[in-house]
């Protein structure tokens, strides 16, 4: 039994039991609210008919206070129920992951790009992809950041940070629970908050003189009410004052508040999630040294977002007409709401983008840390310096195969080419993807599926899964040619496609060059292509069924090497899935077809 799976199941059961208990408590709170409310109404009714009934008002106030307290406890209990349910969901999803079910996680279909240098061929994005196995992001910014790392558009080699997040399992679970019900739109929050800087609010609202005048008006009106109650002045004075004050505040602030409300519309729920996430980051006890400045910045971000939430709460409360009248009349609420907004604008607007970037980084690191935690049998790659291709693997296997994977040792030297032959289904394509996917993991500081992996930082390009496009009049063969042209351009000009790597050397991974033409033409074209590409700073692995292509080693034995995945033919086909030096001797297409025809 997998101990990690056992732990996840136990945690899920623990939170499920907590939810049951909290729901029982919830029913008691509902009953208490109903009873206290009925009792309050009964006491009020009794005070109106009983002699000396005003003395009954005191216990009525006590009962009302009890109702308010029970109601507050009920609200807190509801929050705890949602929190426990979300944590249970986190552990249920992680259990599904270990059981081979990745459907709870987004596969990143929006990042699929058949023209990317390698992500389409290596199953980085899409259904059952590396991204789907790894992705636990709760913000769109975190998802984009993880995708940019896996596609080499923005590489963050940070194994020590990933290790630290992997070890803090309880904190990661709390973090992921925040996004269980709804993903946070990072770009939407950034767009709204930056648009808030364009709101044209008269600056006199924020002036010290305005604040002083507002306080004098508030004190003056309250004093007038007290004097009118004592009979010192006419009651008409505070009434007229209140009416004039309300309409003056409302007319002066309504235009600016309409603009602010229009921008902030629909942001409240997202903002609450975002604040919970930032607050959790500021409460993290063990922060990796390299991330300490970023987490320190989030403390200021927490203050900023909490103040913005206060503004949004104030805007929401304006929907209560009676509350609006009382607040604007006696406390000049809308005026002070605008003042809070202006102060927020002046203090924080230029820092929003940087904070959202930090949160996106943390979100991506949570996914990477969870992936590392879930795969304890992996190891950390060794990254070496240099501008050449270095790839030394021991016990390499494909991340998607689990315990049934066959491990292989393999090494790639700079500007060397490896021709790999073998029968259908012998393991050639899977091995090629193993080389590529583990390199993607290694360069981002994530665990690799090998007993040992030593690599340098080089660029990567693959051509394994070419598709035609009949809507654009592109045949399969034409698509192959276009892909090979893209490969040559990529290798000749490092800026041809964005990869966040300083190296000018490239590893190319090819599965069957020129499949869309006849055998002789394919062989001659493949030789021509390999001769041309070998003049560039390129290393390559080429899988092929064409045994004649292996004779490239006879022309240049120093740089072209033959490896194969051999099979054994007997009563049935035996696959070893092990790579060995040499050229494959056995093929299986005719053998398998005979079996099909014999069974007719």
Protein backbone atom coordinates (compact mmCIF):
# COMPACT_ATOMS: atom_id res chain seq x y z
CA UNK A 1 0.00 0.00 0.00
CA UNK A 2 1.31 3.43 -0.98
CA UNK A 3 1.89 5.33 2.31
CA UNK A 4 1.14 8.67 0.63
CA UNK A 5 -2.20 7.35 -0.63
CA UNK A 6 -3.00 6.02 2.85
CA UNK A 7 -2.24 9.45 4.29
CA UNK A 8 -4.49 11.18 1.73
CA UNK A 9 -7.36 8.79 2.42
CA UNK A 10 -6.99 9.30 6.19
CA UNK A 11 -6.97 13.09 5.78
CA UNK A 12 -10.06 12.98 3.57
CA UNK A 13 -11.89 10.82 6.13
CA UNK A 14 -10.84 13.17 8.93
CA UNK A 15 -12.26 16.23 7.18
CA UNK A 16 -15.42 14.36 6.16
CA UNK A 17 -16.06 13.50 9.82
CA UNK A 18 -15.43 17.12 10.79
CA UNK A 19 -18.00 18.27 8.23
CA UNK A 20 -20.61 15.88 9.70
CA UNK A 21 -20.02 17.27 13.20
CA UNK A 22 -20.17 20.87 12.00
CA UNK A 23 -23.42 20.23 10.16
CA UNK A 24 -24.96 18.87 13.37
CA UNK A 25 -23.84 22.02 15.13
CA UNK A 26 -25.32 24.04 12.28
CA UNK A 27 -28.76 22.56 12.95
CA UNK A 28 -28.47 23.59 16.61
CA UNK A 29 -27.57 27.13 15.59
CA UNK A 30 -30.57 27.34 13.26
CA UNK A 31 -32.86 26.14 16.05
CA UNK A 32 -31.31 28.65 18.46
CA UNK A 33 -31.78 31.51 16.00
CA UNK A 34 -35.42 30.56 15.46
CA UNK A 35 -36.18 30.28 19.17
CA UNK A 36 -34.46 33.53 20.18
CA UNK A 37 -36.13 35.43 17.33
CA UNK A 38 -39.60 34.14 18.30
CA UNK A 39 -38.90 34.93 21.96
CA UNK A 40 -37.78 38.44 21.04
CA UNK A 41 -41.00 39.08 19.10
CA UNK A 42 -43.07 37.69 21.99
CA UNK A 43 -41.35 39.98 24.52
CA UNK A 44 -41.88 43.01 22.26
CA UNK A 45 -45.57 42.14 21.90
CA UNK A 46 -45.89 41.59 25.66
CA UNK A 47 -44.28 44.95 26.43
CA UNK A 48 -47.04 46.71 24.47
CA UNK A 49 -49.95 45.14 26.37
CA UNK A 50 -48.63 44.45 29.86
CA UNK A 51 -48.72 47.08 32.63
CA UNK A 52 -45.24 48.49 33.12
CA UNK A 53 -44.29 46.74 29.92
CA UNK A 54 -41.28 48.94 29.30
CA UNK A 55 -39.34 46.87 31.85
CA UNK A 56 -39.78 43.87 29.54
CA UNK A 57 -37.67 45.69 26.95
CA UNK A 58 -34.50 44.93 28.91
CA UNK A 59 -34.78 41.11 28.61
CA UNK A 60 -35.90 41.65 25.01
CA UNK A 61 -32.61 43.42 24.31
CA UNK A 62 -30.78 40.50 25.96
CA UNK A 63 -32.63 37.98 23.79
CA UNK A 64 -31.85 40.06 20.68
CA UNK A 65 -28.18 40.09 21.66
CA UNK A 66 -28.29 36.31 22.06
CA UNK A 67 -29.83 36.01 18.59
CA UNK A 68 -27.06 38.14 17.08
CA UNK A 69 -24.36 36.07 18.83
CA UNK A 70 -25.89 32.77 17.64
CA UNK A 71 -26.20 34.17 14.14
CA UNK A 72 -22.51 35.15 14.11
CA UNK A 73 -21.49 31.70 15.36
CA UNK A 74 -23.67 30.16 12.64
CA UNK A 75 -21.92 32.21 9.95
CA UNK A 76 -18.49 31.19 11.29
CA UNK A 77 -19.63 27.56 11.40
CA UNK A 78 -20.74 27.76 7.74
CA UNK A 79 -17.30 29.10 6.82
CA UNK A 80 -15.64 26.21 8.64
CA UNK A 81 -17.89 23.71 6.84
CA UNK A 82 -16.87 25.14 3.46
CA UNK A 83 -13.22 25.12 4.50
CA UNK A 84 -13.37 21.48 5.65
CA UNK A 85 -15.20 20.44 2.47
CA UNK A 86 -12.58 22.17 0.34
CA UNK A 87 -9.74 20.43 2.20
CA UNK A 88 -11.51 17.10 1.82
CA UNK A 89 -11.79 17.81 -1.91
CA UNK A 90 -8.02 18.48 -2.09
CA UNK A 91 -7.20 15.09 -0.56
CA UNK A 92 -9.81 13.27 -2.65
CA UNK A 93 -8.24 14.72 -5.80
CA UNK A 94 -4.74 13.74 -4.73
CA UNK A 95 -5.98 10.20 -4.06
CA UNK A 96 -7.40 10.17 -7.58
CA UNK A 97 -4.01 11.26 -8.90
CA UNK A 98 -2.28 8.31 -7.24
CA UNK A 99 -4.98 6.02 -8.65
CA UNK A 100 -4.20 7.25 -12.17
CA UNK A 101 -7.26 9.49 -12.56
CA UNK A 102 -6.19 13.01 -13.57
CA UNK A 103 -9.62 14.38 -14.51
CA UNK A 104 -9.89 16.60 -11.39
CA UNK A 105 -7.06 18.73 -12.79
CA UNK A 106 -7.01 21.09 -15.76
CA UNK A 107 -4.96 19.71 -18.64
CA UNK A 108 -3.97 23.09 -20.07
CA UNK A 109 -5.66 22.60 -23.45
CA UNK A 110 -5.34 26.37 -23.96
CA UNK A 111 -1.57 25.94 -24.19
CA UNK A 112 -1.65 23.27 -26.92
CA UNK A 113 0.44 24.46 -29.87
CA UNK A 114 1.33 22.01 -32.67
CA UNK A 115 3.99 24.48 -33.85
CA UNK A 116 5.84 24.72 -30.54
CA UNK A 117 9.39 23.40 -30.52
CA UNK A 118 8.58 20.35 -28.38
CA UNK A 119 5.48 20.58 -26.14
CA UNK A 120 3.05 19.04 -28.64
CA UNK A 121 5.26 16.02 -29.37
CA UNK A 122 6.16 15.37 -25.73
CA UNK A 123 2.56 15.53 -24.37
CA UNK A 124 3.35 18.51 -22.16
CA UNK A 125 -0.20 19.90 -22.44
CA UNK A 126 -3.64 18.41 -23.00
CA UNK A 127 -5.48 15.38 -21.71
CA UNK A 128 -3.37 13.06 -19.50
CA UNK A 129 -0.39 15.35 -20.12
CA UNK A 130 2.53 16.26 -17.89
CA UNK A 131 0.80 19.56 -17.15
CA UNK A 132 -2.41 17.84 -16.07
CA UNK A 133 -0.50 15.52 -13.76
CA UNK A 134 1.33 18.44 -12.21
CA UNK A 135 -1.20 21.28 -12.29
CA UNK A 136 -2.68 22.28 -8.92
CA UNK A 137 -2.79 26.02 -9.63
CA UNK A 138 -5.70 28.05 -8.29
CA UNK A 139 -5.04 31.23 -10.28
CA UNK A 140 -4.86 31.78 -14.02
CA UNK A 141 -1.55 33.55 -13.44
CA UNK A 142 -0.13 30.49 -11.68
CA UNK A 143 -1.33 28.26 -14.51
CA UNK A 144 0.34 30.53 -17.07
CA UNK A 145 3.54 30.57 -15.04
CA UNK A 146 3.64 26.76 -14.80
CA UNK A 147 2.96 26.48 -18.54
CA UNK A 148 5.71 28.97 -19.38
CA UNK A 149 8.19 26.92 -17.32
CA UNK A 150 7.25 23.65 -19.02
CA UNK A 151 7.51 25.24 -22.47
CA UNK A 152 10.88 26.91 -21.69
CA UNK A 153 9.47 30.38 -22.20
CA UNK A 154 10.37 31.30 -18.64
CA UNK A 155 12.53 28.72 -16.90
CA UNK A 156 12.81 28.93 -13.11
CA UNK A 157 15.47 26.52 -11.89
CA UNK A 158 14.63 26.43 -8.19
CA UNK A 159 14.93 22.90 -6.77
CA UNK A 160 15.48 24.21 -3.22
CA UNK A 161 12.18 26.13 -3.35
CA UNK A 162 10.32 23.15 -4.82
CA UNK A 163 11.79 20.95 -2.10
CA UNK A 164 10.67 23.38 0.62
CA UNK A 165 7.11 23.48 -0.71
CA UNK A 166 7.01 19.70 -1.06
CA UNK A 167 7.87 19.30 2.61
CA UNK A 168 5.14 21.69 3.80
CA UNK A 169 2.21 19.42 2.90
CA UNK A 170 -0.39 20.87 5.28
CA UNK A 171 0.25 24.43 4.10
CA UNK A 172 0.01 23.33 0.47
CA UNK A 173 -3.33 21.65 1.12
CA UNK A 174 -4.71 24.83 2.70
CA UNK A 175 -3.44 26.85 -0.25
CA UNK A 176 -5.01 24.54 -2.85
CA UNK A 177 -8.30 24.43 -0.94
CA UNK A 178 -8.84 28.14 -1.63
CA UNK A 179 -9.40 27.43 -5.33
CA UNK A 180 -11.53 24.29 -5.11
CA UNK A 181 -14.82 26.04 -5.89
CA UNK A 182 -13.60 28.66 -8.36
CA UNK A 183 -10.32 29.53 -10.05
CA UNK A 184 -9.07 33.08 -9.52
CA UNK A 185 -8.71 35.21 -12.65
CA UNK A 186 -5.33 36.90 -12.07
CA UNK A 187 -5.46 38.94 -15.26
CA UNK A 188 -9.01 40.04 -14.42
CA UNK A 189 -7.95 41.27 -10.99
CA UNK A 190 -4.93 43.04 -12.46
CA UNK A 191 -7.01 44.59 -15.24
CA UNK A 192 -9.64 45.89 -12.81
CA UNK A 193 -7.20 47.21 -10.23
CA UNK A 194 -5.02 48.96 -12.80
CA UNK A 195 -8.12 50.43 -14.45
CA UNK A 196 -8.94 51.90 -11.04
CA UNK A 197 -5.93 54.18 -11.46
CA UNK A 198 -7.69 55.87 -14.40
CA UNK A 199 -10.75 56.84 -12.37
CA UNK A 200 -10.85 60.64 -12.37
CA UNK A 201 -11.66 61.46 -8.76
CA UNK A 202 -11.28 65.14 -7.72
CA UNK A 203 -8.27 65.32 -5.44
CA UNK A 204 -9.93 67.76 -3.06
CA UNK A 205 -11.72 64.73 -1.59
CA UNK A 206 -8.39 63.63 -0.10
CA UNK A 207 -7.33 67.07 1.15
CA UNK A 208 -6.81 67.54 4.94
CA UNK A 209 -9.14 70.54 4.83
CA UNK A 210 -11.93 68.34 3.43
CA UNK A 211 -11.49 65.88 6.29
CA UNK A 212 -11.57 68.68 8.86
CA UNK A 213 -14.74 70.17 7.32
CA UNK A 214 -16.39 66.72 7.24
CA UNK A 215 -15.66 66.11 10.92
CA UNK A 216 -17.09 69.54 11.80
CA UNK A 217 -20.29 68.77 9.86
CA UNK A 218 -20.70 65.39 11.57
CA UNK A 219 -20.16 66.85 15.03
CA UNK A 220 -22.39 69.82 14.21
CA UNK A 221 -25.34 67.67 13.13
CA UNK A 222 -25.07 65.37 16.14
CA UNK A 223 -24.91 68.42 18.41
CA UNK A 224 -28.01 69.85 16.72
CA UNK A 225 -29.89 66.59 17.30
CA UNK A 226 -28.96 66.61 21.00
CA UNK A 227 -29.95 70.28 21.41
CA UNK A 228 -33.25 69.68 19.63
CA UNK A 229 -33.97 66.72 21.91
CA UNK A 230 -33.37 68.97 24.93
CA UNK A 231 -35.66 71.65 23.47
CA UNK A 232 -32.86 74.20 23.20
CA UNK A 233 -33.35 74.65 19.44
CA UNK A 234 -36.15 73.91 17.02
CA UNK A 235 -36.39 70.31 15.82
CA UNK A 236 -36.61 71.64 12.26
CA UNK A 237 -32.95 72.68 12.36
CA UNK A 238 -31.41 69.17 12.56
CA UNK A 239 -34.04 67.84 10.14
CA UNK A 240 -33.25 70.45 7.47
CA UNK A 241 -29.52 70.09 8.18
CA UNK A 242 -29.73 66.31 7.76
CA UNK A 243 -31.63 66.52 4.49
CA UNK A 244 -29.31 69.14 3.03
CA UNK A 245 -26.25 67.24 4.22
CA UNK A 246 -27.41 63.97 2.69
CA UNK A 247 -28.17 65.45 -0.73
CA UNK A 248 -24.96 67.48 -0.72
CA UNK A 249 -22.82 64.39 0.00
CA UNK A 250 -24.76 62.24 -2.44
CA UNK A 251 -24.56 64.73 -5.30
CA UNK A 252 -20.84 65.41 -4.75
CA UNK A 253 -19.82 61.74 -4.60
CA UNK A 254 -22.27 59.88 -6.84
CA UNK A 255 -20.43 60.40 -10.15
CA UNK A 256 -17.06 59.22 -8.80
CA UNK A 257 -18.63 56.27 -6.97
CA UNK A 258 -20.51 55.21 -10.12
CA UNK A 259 -17.19 55.07 -11.97
CA UNK A 260 -15.52 53.09 -9.20
CA UNK A 261 -18.47 50.71 -8.89
CA UNK A 262 -18.48 50.06 -12.64
CA UNK A 263 -14.84 49.05 -12.56
CA UNK A 264 -15.10 46.95 -9.40
CA UNK A 265 -18.32 45.18 -10.39
CA UNK A 266 -18.12 41.41 -9.91
CA UNK A 267 -14.71 41.50 -8.21
CA UNK A 268 -15.79 40.96 -4.61
CA UNK A 269 -15.79 37.15 -4.53
CA UNK A 270 -12.48 36.93 -6.40
CA UNK A 271 -10.95 39.55 -4.09
CA UNK A 272 -11.95 37.58 -1.00
CA UNK A 273 -10.24 34.48 -2.42
CA UNK A 274 -7.15 36.47 -3.37
CA UNK A 275 -6.89 38.01 0.10
CA UNK A 276 -7.23 34.56 1.71
CA UNK A 277 -4.40 33.35 -0.49
CA UNK A 278 -2.12 36.31 0.29
CA UNK A 279 -2.96 36.08 4.00
CA UNK A 280 -1.99 32.40 3.97
CA UNK A 281 1.32 33.28 2.31
CA UNK A 282 2.09 35.84 5.01
CA UNK A 283 1.35 33.21 7.67
CA UNK A 284 3.73 30.62 6.19
CA UNK A 285 6.28 29.73 8.88
CA UNK A 286 9.04 28.15 6.80
CA UNK A 287 9.88 30.33 3.80
CA UNK A 288 12.85 29.37 1.59
CA UNK A 289 15.63 31.94 1.85
CA UNK A 290 15.44 32.74 -1.84
CA UNK A 291 11.76 33.62 -1.56
CA UNK A 292 11.96 35.66 1.64
CA UNK A 293 11.99 39.08 -0.15
CA UNK A 294 8.96 38.07 -2.20
CA UNK A 295 7.03 36.92 0.88
CA UNK A 296 7.98 40.15 2.66
CA UNK A 297 6.47 42.09 -0.24
CA UNK A 298 3.25 40.08 0.14
CA UNK A 299 2.82 41.49 3.65
CA UNK A 300 2.37 44.93 2.12
CA UNK A 301 0.18 43.37 -0.57
CA UNK A 302 -2.05 41.94 2.13
CA UNK A 303 -2.61 45.41 3.61
CA UNK A 304 -3.32 46.81 0.16
CA UNK A 305 -5.85 44.16 -0.85
CA UNK A 306 -7.59 44.29 2.53
CA UNK A 307 -8.01 48.04 2.14
CA UNK A 308 -9.37 47.58 -1.36
CA UNK A 309 -11.79 44.98 -0.01
CA UNK A 310 -13.03 47.57 2.49
CA UNK A 311 -13.74 49.91 -0.44
CA UNK A 312 -15.62 47.14 -2.28
CA UNK A 313 -17.59 46.32 0.90
CA UNK A 314 -18.49 50.00 1.17
CA UNK A 315 -19.71 50.02 -2.41
CA UNK A 316 -21.82 46.91 -1.77
CA UNK A 317 -23.41 48.46 1.33
CA UNK A 318 -24.61 51.41 -0.75
CA UNK A 319 -27.28 49.09 -2.16
CA UNK A 320 -29.17 49.41 1.16
CA UNK A 321 -31.12 52.66 0.72
CA UNK A 322 -31.85 53.20 4.41
CA UNK A 323 -28.25 52.42 5.33
CA UNK A 324 -27.01 54.79 2.61
CA UNK A 325 -29.18 57.61 3.94
CA UNK A 326 -28.06 57.15 7.54
CA UNK A 327 -24.37 56.75 6.66
CA UNK A 328 -24.23 59.75 4.33
CA UNK A 329 -26.31 61.92 6.65
CA UNK A 330 -24.63 61.30 9.98
CA UNK A 331 -21.16 59.98 9.02
CA UNK A 332 -20.63 61.32 5.46
CA UNK A 333 -19.93 57.71 4.49
CA UNK A 334 -19.54 58.18 0.72
CA UNK A 335 -17.08 61.03 1.16
CA UNK A 336 -14.84 58.96 3.43
CA UNK A 337 -15.24 55.97 1.05
CA UNK A 338 -13.78 58.06 -1.77
CA UNK A 339 -10.99 59.24 0.50
CA UNK A 340 -10.06 55.63 1.25
CA UNK A 341 -10.07 54.84 -2.47
CA UNK A 342 -7.80 57.79 -3.30
CA UNK A 343 -5.35 56.87 -0.55
CA UNK A 344 -5.25 53.31 -1.87
CA UNK A 345 -4.66 54.62 -5.40
CA UNK A 346 -1.78 56.81 -4.31
CA UNK A 347 -0.08 54.21 -2.11
CA UNK A 348 -0.39 50.90 -3.99
CA UNK A 349 -1.50 51.12 -7.61
CA UNK A 350 2.03 50.89 -9.06
CA UNK A 351 2.84 47.75 -7.04
CA UNK A 352 -0.17 45.60 -8.03
CA UNK A 353 1.53 43.99 -11.04
CA UNK A 354 4.57 42.91 -9.05
CA UNK A 355 2.44 41.37 -6.30
CA UNK A 356 0.36 39.39 -8.79
CA UNK A 357 3.59 38.09 -10.35
CA UNK A 358 4.79 36.91 -6.93
CA UNK A 359 1.50 35.17 -6.21
CA UNK A 360 1.63 33.47 -9.63
CA UNK A 361 5.16 32.21 -8.83
CA UNK A 362 4.00 30.83 -5.48
CA UNK A 363 0.98 29.20 -7.11
CA UNK A 364 3.20 27.44 -9.66
CA UNK A 365 5.62 26.35 -6.92
CA UNK A 366 2.76 24.74 -5.00
CA UNK A 367 2.05 22.58 -8.07
CA UNK A 368 5.71 21.67 -8.47
CA UNK A 369 6.06 20.89 -4.77
CA UNK A 370 2.96 18.69 -4.84
CA UNK A 371 4.31 16.81 -7.86
CA UNK A 372 7.58 16.18 -6.05
CA UNK A 373 5.73 15.04 -2.89
CA UNK A 374 3.55 12.62 -4.88
CA UNK A 375 6.55 11.07 -6.67
CA UNK A 376 9.02 10.06 -3.91
CA UNK A 377 10.75 7.49 -6.16
CA UNK A 378 12.17 10.26 -8.35
CA UNK A 379 15.50 12.01 -8.00
CA UNK A 380 17.00 15.45 -8.48
CA UNK A 381 18.93 16.04 -11.68
CA UNK A 382 22.45 17.44 -11.74
CA UNK A 383 22.71 20.55 -13.91
CA UNK A 384 26.20 21.29 -15.24
CA UNK A 385 27.51 24.45 -16.87
CA UNK A 386 28.70 24.74 -20.42
CA UNK A 387 27.38 25.60 -23.87
CA UNK A 388 27.43 22.02 -25.17
CA UNK A 389 24.89 19.22 -25.08
CA UNK A 390 25.48 16.90 -22.12
CA UNK A 391 22.91 14.22 -21.29
CA UNK A 392 23.88 11.28 -19.07
CA UNK A 393 21.06 9.11 -17.75
CA UNK A 394 20.95 6.00 -15.61
CA UNK A 395 17.70 4.18 -15.04
CA UNK A 396 15.71 6.61 -17.20
CA UNK A 397 11.99 5.96 -17.70
CA UNK A 398 8.86 7.73 -18.86
CA UNK A 399 6.94 9.61 -16.10
CA UNK A 400 3.55 8.34 -17.31
CA UNK A 401 4.25 4.59 -17.03
CA UNK A 402 4.48 4.24 -13.26
CA UNK A 403 5.77 0.99 -11.76
CA UNK A 404 5.57 -0.91 -15.05
CA UNK A 405 8.19 1.34 -16.70
CA UNK A 406 11.38 -0.29 -17.95
CA UNK A 407 14.44 1.78 -17.09
CA UNK A 408 17.29 2.43 -19.50
CA UNK A 409 20.77 3.93 -19.36
CA UNK A 410 21.66 6.35 -22.13
CA UNK A 411 24.10 9.15 -22.90
CA UNK A 412 24.16 11.94 -25.48
CA UNK A 413 27.34 13.76 -26.42
CA UNK A 414 27.62 17.14 -28.07
CA UNK A 415 27.15 17.12 -31.87
CA UNK A 416 26.62 13.34 -31.92
CA UNK A 417 23.64 11.58 -33.51
CA UNK A 418 21.96 8.37 -32.39
CA UNK A 419 19.98 6.30 -34.91
CA UNK A 420 17.50 4.10 -33.06
CA UNK A 421 15.91 1.18 -34.88
CA UNK A 422 13.38 -1.36 -33.73
CA UNK A 423 10.08 -3.02 -34.48
CA UNK A 424 6.66 -1.44 -34.04
CA UNK A 425 5.64 -1.07 -30.38
CA UNK A 426 9.17 -1.94 -29.25
CA UNK A 427 9.49 1.29 -27.26
CA UNK A 428 11.29 3.74 -29.58
CA UNK A 429 8.82 6.62 -29.37
CA UNK A 430 8.28 6.18 -25.64
CA UNK A 431 12.03 6.28 -25.09
CA UNK A 432 12.38 9.46 -27.16
CA UNK A 433 9.68 11.12 -25.10
CA UNK A 434 11.35 9.90 -21.89
CA UNK A 435 14.51 11.74 -22.89
CA UNK A 436 12.62 14.94 -23.67
CA UNK A 437 10.16 15.03 -20.77
CA UNK A 438 12.79 14.32 -18.14
CA UNK A 439 14.96 17.11 -19.57
CA UNK A 440 12.00 19.52 -19.26
CA UNK A 441 11.60 18.48 -15.62
CA UNK A 442 15.32 18.74 -14.90
CA UNK A 443 15.72 22.26 -16.24
CA UNK A 444 12.93 23.51 -13.98
CA UNK A 445 14.38 21.91 -10.85
CA UNK A 446 11.64 19.31 -10.65
CA UNK A 447 12.20 15.63 -9.85
CA UNK A 448 13.17 13.39 -12.75
CA UNK A 449 12.26 9.78 -13.41
CA UNK A 450 15.74 8.29 -13.37
CA UNK A 451 18.19 6.93 -10.84
CA UNK A 452 20.65 9.55 -12.05
CA UNK A 453 20.46 12.34 -14.62
CA UNK A 454 23.23 14.78 -15.47
CA UNK A 455 22.48 17.44 -18.09
CA UNK A 456 23.66 20.80 -19.33
CA UNK A 457 21.39 23.65 -20.39
CA UNK A 458 20.69 23.34 -24.10
CA UNK A 459 17.79 24.06 -26.40
CA UNK A 460 15.26 21.39 -27.40
CA UNK A 461 13.32 20.69 -30.59
CA UNK A 462 11.32 17.62 -31.56
CA UNK A 463 9.40 16.34 -34.56
CA UNK A 464 7.37 13.29 -33.67
CA UNK A 465 3.72 14.04 -34.34
CA UNK A 466 3.11 15.88 -37.60
CA UNK A 467 -0.47 16.51 -38.77
CA UNK A 468 -1.86 17.55 -42.12
CA UNK A 469 -4.20 20.54 -42.45
CA UNK A 470 -6.58 20.02 -45.35
CA UNK A 471 -8.48 23.22 -44.55
CA UNK A 472 -5.32 25.11 -45.51
CA UNK A 473 -4.35 22.75 -48.31
CA UNK A 474 -1.38 21.30 -46.39
CA UNK A 475 -0.81 17.59 -47.01
CA UNK A 476 0.95 15.32 -44.55
CA UNK A 477 4.20 15.39 -46.54
CA UNK A 478 4.03 19.16 -46.86
CA UNK A 479 3.48 19.44 -43.10
CA UNK A 480 6.58 17.31 -42.54
CA UNK A 481 8.66 19.58 -44.75
CA UNK A 482 7.38 22.68 -42.97
CA UNK A 483 8.26 21.15 -39.61
CA UNK A 484 11.79 20.30 -40.78
CA UNK A 485 12.22 23.83 -42.11
CA UNK A 486 11.09 25.15 -38.73
CA UNK A 487 13.66 22.86 -37.09
CA UNK A 488 16.49 24.13 -39.31
CA UNK A 489 15.52 27.77 -38.71
CA UNK A 490 15.40 27.06 -34.99
CA UNK A 491 18.86 25.53 -34.93
CA UNK A 492 20.42 28.19 -37.15
CA UNK A 493 18.92 31.18 -35.31
CA UNK A 494 18.53 30.77 -31.53
CA UNK A 495 16.05 33.65 -31.49
CA UNK A 496 13.74 31.85 -33.95
CA UNK A 497 11.58 30.63 -31.08
CA UNK A 498 11.55 31.84 -27.51
CA UNK A 499 13.36 29.49 -25.13
CA UNK A 500 14.67 31.03 -21.94
CA UNK A 501 18.12 29.50 -22.38
CA UNK A 502 21.51 31.09 -23.09
CA UNK A 503 22.84 28.10 -25.07
CA UNK A 504 23.20 28.04 -28.86
CA UNK A 505 23.39 24.21 -28.91
CA UNK A 506 20.28 22.17 -29.59
CA UNK A 507 19.13 18.61 -29.01
CA UNK A 508 16.72 17.43 -31.70
CA UNK A 509 14.43 14.42 -31.21
CA UNK A 510 12.99 12.98 -34.42
CA UNK A 511 10.63 10.06 -34.93
CA UNK A 512 10.68 8.83 -38.55
CA UNK A 513 11.89 11.54 -40.91
CA UNK A 514 9.78 11.95 -44.09
CA UNK A 515 7.17 9.29 -43.40
CA UNK A 516 5.00 10.74 -46.17
CA UNK A 517 7.06 9.54 -49.13
CA UNK A 518 8.34 6.24 -50.62
CA UNK A 519 11.14 4.21 -49.04
CA UNK A 520 14.00 5.20 -51.35
CA UNK A 521 13.04 8.86 -51.41
CA UNK A 522 12.65 8.78 -47.63
CA UNK A 523 16.12 7.24 -47.18
CA UNK A 524 17.85 9.71 -49.49
CA UNK A 525 16.01 12.65 -47.98
CA UNK A 526 16.80 11.54 -44.43
CA UNK A 527 20.50 11.20 -45.26
CA UNK A 528 20.51 14.61 -46.90
CA UNK A 529 18.81 16.17 -43.90
CA UNK A 530 21.14 14.56 -41.32
CA UNK A 531 24.21 15.56 -43.34
CA UNK A 532 23.01 19.18 -43.38
CA UNK A 533 21.93 19.40 -39.76
CA UNK A 534 25.12 17.77 -38.50
CA UNK A 535 27.07 20.85 -39.64
CA UNK A 536 25.21 22.94 -37.03
CA UNK A 537 25.72 22.94 -33.23
CA UNK A 538 23.16 20.15 -32.92
CA UNK A 539 22.93 16.73 -31.28
CA UNK A 540 20.18 14.34 -32.24
CA UNK A 541 18.20 11.18 -31.53
CA UNK A 542 16.44 9.75 -34.59
CA UNK A 543 14.07 6.79 -34.41
CA UNK A 544 13.46 4.96 -37.68
CA UNK A 545 12.16 1.73 -39.21
CA UNK A 546 14.55 2.20 -42.12
CA UNK A 547 17.52 -0.03 -41.32
CA UNK A 548 19.49 1.46 -44.21
CA UNK A 549 19.65 4.79 -42.36
CA UNK A 550 21.78 3.09 -39.72
CA UNK A 551 24.58 2.94 -42.29
CA UNK A 552 25.22 6.63 -41.57
CA UNK A 553 27.62 5.29 -38.93
CA UNK A 554 29.71 3.67 -41.68
CA UNK A 555 30.22 7.08 -43.26
CA UNK A 556 30.99 8.86 -39.96
CA UNK A 557 31.47 6.44 -37.08
CA UNK A 558 32.73 9.19 -34.78
CA UNK A 559 29.43 11.06 -34.71
CA UNK A 560 26.71 8.64 -35.82
CA UNK A 561 25.87 5.74 -33.51
CA UNK A 562 23.37 2.90 -33.77
CA UNK A 563 21.08 1.74 -30.99
CA UNK A 564 18.02 -0.46 -31.09
CA UNK A 565 15.05 -1.92 -29.25
CA UNK A 566 15.18 -5.59 -30.15
CA UNK A 567 12.29 -8.06 -29.99
CA UNK A 568 12.19 -11.86 -29.90
CA UNK A 569 9.95 -13.78 -32.30
CA UNK A 570 8.64 -17.20 -31.29
CA UNK A 571 5.12 -18.36 -30.61
CA UNK A 572 4.50 -14.72 -29.79
CA UNK A 573 6.39 -11.44 -29.84
CA UNK A 574 8.51 -10.68 -26.76
CA UNK A 575 9.33 -7.04 -26.05
CA UNK A 576 12.19 -6.16 -23.72
CA UNK A 577 11.83 -2.35 -24.03
CA UNK A 578 15.57 -2.08 -23.40
CA UNK A 579 17.87 -0.01 -25.57
CA UNK A 580 21.06 -1.73 -26.69
CA UNK A 581 23.89 -0.82 -29.08
CA UNK A 582 23.49 -2.02 -32.65
CA UNK A 583 20.86 -2.34 -35.37
CA UNK A 584 17.54 -4.16 -34.88
CA UNK A 585 17.38 -7.58 -36.56
CA UNK A 586 13.72 -8.47 -36.12
CA UNK A 587 10.54 -6.72 -37.30
CA UNK A 588 7.01 -7.63 -36.26
CA UNK A 589 4.56 -6.20 -38.79
CA UNK A 590 4.41 -9.31 -41.03
CA UNK A 591 4.42 -11.66 -38.03
CA UNK A 592 1.48 -9.86 -36.36
CA UNK A 593 -0.47 -9.55 -39.59
CA UNK A 594 -0.14 -13.29 -40.21
CA UNK A 595 -1.65 -13.87 -36.78
CA UNK A 596 -4.60 -11.62 -37.60
CA UNK A 597 -5.22 -13.31 -40.95
CA UNK A 598 -4.92 -16.77 -39.41
CA UNK A 599 -7.62 -15.91 -36.92
CA UNK A 600 -10.19 -14.98 -39.57
